[in-house]
Amino acid sequence: MIMPKKLKKYITVDKDILQGTPVISGTRIPVARLFSLVRQGYNDEGLPPCSSFPNLNNLH
């Protein structure tokens, strides 16, 4: 997968993590899941409860 360098610190693609699905670095949260939430109207202040994303914080 070709990705701009500035995104590489935020997104990881590794065949051993979710079979190579792009995830938020340091987590197993698929990038596609976050895009889906944004399309549903969520934003960084209104994501579902943290228990759904225990490894995601504002640093990501």
N, C-alpha and C. Protein backbone atom coordinates (compact mmCIF):
# COMPACT_ATOMS: atom_id res chain seq x y z
N MET A 1 0.84 -1.18 0.00
CA MET A 1 0.00 0.00 0.00
C MET A 1 0.89 1.24 0.00
N ILE A 2 0.63 2.16 -0.89
CA ILE A 2 1.37 3.42 -0.95
C ILE A 2 0.65 4.42 -0.06
N MET A 3 1.43 5.03 0.86
CA MET A 3 0.85 5.96 1.82
C MET A 3 1.79 7.13 2.00
N PRO A 4 1.26 8.35 2.07
CA PRO A 4 2.13 9.51 2.33
C PRO A 4 2.88 9.33 3.64
N LYS A 5 4.14 9.79 3.67
CA LYS A 5 4.98 9.61 4.85
C LYS A 5 4.35 10.16 6.12
N LYS A 6 3.65 11.30 6.02
CA LYS A 6 3.09 11.89 7.24
C LYS A 6 1.97 11.03 7.84
N LEU A 7 1.37 10.14 7.07
CA LEU A 7 0.34 9.26 7.62
C LEU A 7 0.93 8.01 8.26
N LYS A 8 2.14 7.64 7.89
CA LYS A 8 2.74 6.41 8.39
C LYS A 8 2.90 6.38 9.90
N LYS A 9 3.00 7.55 10.55
CA LYS A 9 3.12 7.52 12.01
C LYS A 9 1.76 7.29 12.67
N TYR A 10 0.68 7.42 11.92
CA TYR A 10 -0.67 7.24 12.46
C TYR A 10 -1.33 5.94 12.02
N ILE A 11 -0.91 5.40 10.88
CA ILE A 11 -1.54 4.22 10.31
C ILE A 11 -0.50 3.13 10.10
N THR A 12 -0.85 1.92 10.51
CA THR A 12 0.04 0.77 10.35
C THR A 12 -0.62 -0.26 9.44
N VAL A 13 0.18 -0.81 8.53
CA VAL A 13 -0.27 -1.92 7.69
C VAL A 13 0.75 -3.03 7.89
N ASP A 14 0.29 -4.13 8.48
CA ASP A 14 1.17 -5.25 8.81
C ASP A 14 0.38 -6.53 8.58
N LYS A 15 0.93 -7.44 7.79
CA LYS A 15 0.21 -8.67 7.47
C LYS A 15 -0.14 -9.49 8.70
N ASP A 16 0.57 -9.26 9.81
CA ASP A 16 0.30 -10.00 11.04
C ASP A 16 -0.73 -9.31 11.94
N ILE A 17 -1.21 -8.15 11.55
CA ILE A 17 -2.23 -7.44 12.32
C ILE A 17 -3.48 -7.34 11.45
N LEU A 18 -4.52 -8.04 11.86
CA LEU A 18 -5.80 -8.05 11.12
C LEU A 18 -5.60 -8.34 9.63
N GLN A 19 -4.70 -9.26 9.35
CA GLN A 19 -4.43 -9.71 7.98
C GLN A 19 -4.07 -8.58 7.03
N GLY A 20 -3.35 -7.56 7.54
CA GLY A 20 -2.89 -6.47 6.70
C GLY A 20 -3.87 -5.32 6.54
N THR A 21 -4.97 -5.36 7.26
CA THR A 21 -5.94 -4.26 7.23
C THR A 21 -5.29 -3.02 7.84
N PRO A 22 -5.39 -1.85 7.22
CA PRO A 22 -4.83 -0.63 7.82
C PRO A 22 -5.49 -0.35 9.17
N VAL A 23 -4.66 -0.15 10.20
CA VAL A 23 -5.15 0.13 11.55
C VAL A 23 -4.51 1.39 12.09
N ILE A 24 -5.12 1.98 13.13
CA ILE A 24 -4.53 3.11 13.83
C ILE A 24 -3.29 2.58 14.54
N SER A 25 -2.14 3.20 14.34
CA SER A 25 -0.88 2.73 14.92
C SER A 25 -1.01 2.53 16.42
N GLY A 26 -0.46 1.41 16.89
CA GLY A 26 -0.48 1.09 18.31
C GLY A 26 -1.78 0.47 18.78
N THR A 27 -2.71 0.22 17.84
CA THR A 27 -4.00 -0.38 18.19
C THR A 27 -4.34 -1.46 17.17
N ARG A 28 -5.47 -2.07 17.35
CA ARG A 28 -6.02 -2.99 16.36
C ARG A 28 -7.33 -2.42 15.81
N ILE A 29 -7.47 -1.10 15.87
CA ILE A 29 -8.68 -0.43 15.39
C ILE A 29 -8.52 -0.15 13.90
N PRO A 30 -9.35 -0.77 13.07
CA PRO A 30 -9.25 -0.53 11.63
C PRO A 30 -9.57 0.92 11.26
N VAL A 31 -8.79 1.47 10.36
CA VAL A 31 -9.01 2.83 9.88
C VAL A 31 -10.42 2.93 9.28
N ALA A 32 -10.85 1.91 8.58
CA ALA A 32 -12.18 1.92 7.96
C ALA A 32 -13.28 2.08 9.01
N ARG A 33 -13.07 1.54 10.21
CA ARG A 33 -14.07 1.68 11.27
C ARG A 33 -14.22 3.14 11.68
N LEU A 34 -13.10 3.85 11.80
CA LEU A 34 -13.18 5.26 12.16
C LEU A 34 -13.85 6.08 11.06
N PHE A 35 -13.53 5.77 9.80
CA PHE A 35 -14.19 6.47 8.69
C PHE A 35 -15.70 6.22 8.73
N SER A 36 -16.08 4.99 9.05
CA SER A 36 -17.49 4.66 9.15
C SER A 36 -18.18 5.49 10.23
N LEU A 37 -17.52 5.63 11.37
CA LEU A 37 -18.09 6.44 12.46
C LEU A 37 -18.23 7.90 12.06
N VAL A 38 -17.23 8.43 11.36
CA VAL A 38 -17.30 9.82 10.90
C VAL A 38 -18.48 9.99 9.94
N ARG A 39 -18.67 9.04 9.03
CA ARG A 39 -19.80 9.11 8.11
C ARG A 39 -21.14 9.07 8.85
N GLN A 40 -21.15 8.41 10.02
CA GLN A 40 -22.38 8.33 10.82
C GLN A 40 -22.60 9.60 11.65
N GLY A 41 -21.65 10.52 11.60
CA GLY A 41 -21.83 11.79 12.30
C GLY A 41 -21.00 11.95 13.56
N TYR A 42 -20.20 10.94 13.91
CA TYR A 42 -19.34 11.06 15.09
C TYR A 42 -18.15 11.95 14.76
N ASN A 43 -17.56 12.55 15.80
CA ASN A 43 -16.32 13.30 15.64
C ASN A 43 -15.41 12.96 16.81
N ASP A 44 -14.25 13.61 16.91
CA ASP A 44 -13.29 13.25 17.95
C ASP A 44 -13.82 13.50 19.36
N GLU A 45 -14.83 14.33 19.52
CA GLU A 45 -15.40 14.58 20.84
C GLU A 45 -16.61 13.70 21.11
N GLY A 46 -17.11 13.04 20.10
CA GLY A 46 -18.33 12.28 20.28
C GLY A 46 -18.25 10.83 19.85
N LEU A 47 -17.08 10.23 19.94
CA LEU A 47 -16.96 8.82 19.59
C LEU A 47 -17.74 7.98 20.59
N PRO A 48 -18.12 6.77 20.20
CA PRO A 48 -18.80 5.88 21.14
C PRO A 48 -17.94 5.72 22.40
N PRO A 49 -18.52 5.19 23.47
CA PRO A 49 -17.79 5.07 24.74
C PRO A 49 -16.39 4.49 24.57
N CYS A 50 -15.47 4.99 25.38
CA CYS A 50 -14.06 4.57 25.29
C CYS A 50 -13.89 3.07 25.41
N SER A 51 -14.82 2.39 26.06
CA SER A 51 -14.69 0.94 26.19
C SER A 51 -14.69 0.27 24.82
N SER A 52 -15.28 0.94 23.82
CA SER A 52 -15.26 0.39 22.46
C SER A 52 -13.88 0.54 21.82
N PHE A 53 -13.13 1.53 22.28
CA PHE A 53 -11.81 1.84 21.72
C PHE A 53 -10.83 2.12 22.85
N PRO A 54 -10.52 1.12 23.68
CA PRO A 54 -9.68 1.37 24.86
C PRO A 54 -8.27 1.86 24.54
N ASN A 55 -7.76 1.58 23.36
CA ASN A 55 -6.39 1.98 23.02
C ASN A 55 -6.33 3.28 22.22
N LEU A 56 -7.47 3.90 21.98
CA LEU A 56 -7.49 5.12 21.18
C LEU A 56 -7.58 6.33 22.11
N ASN A 57 -6.71 7.29 21.86
CA ASN A 57 -6.74 8.52 22.64
C ASN A 57 -6.52 9.70 21.71
N ASN A 58 -6.52 10.89 22.24
CA ASN A 58 -6.37 12.08 21.40
C ASN A 58 -5.02 12.16 20.71
N LEU A 59 -4.03 11.42 21.19
CA LEU A 59 -2.72 11.43 20.55
C LEU A 59 -2.78 10.75 19.19
N HIS A 60 -3.71 9.81 19.02
CA HIS A 60 -3.84 9.13 17.73
C HIS A 60 -4.52 10.08 16.79
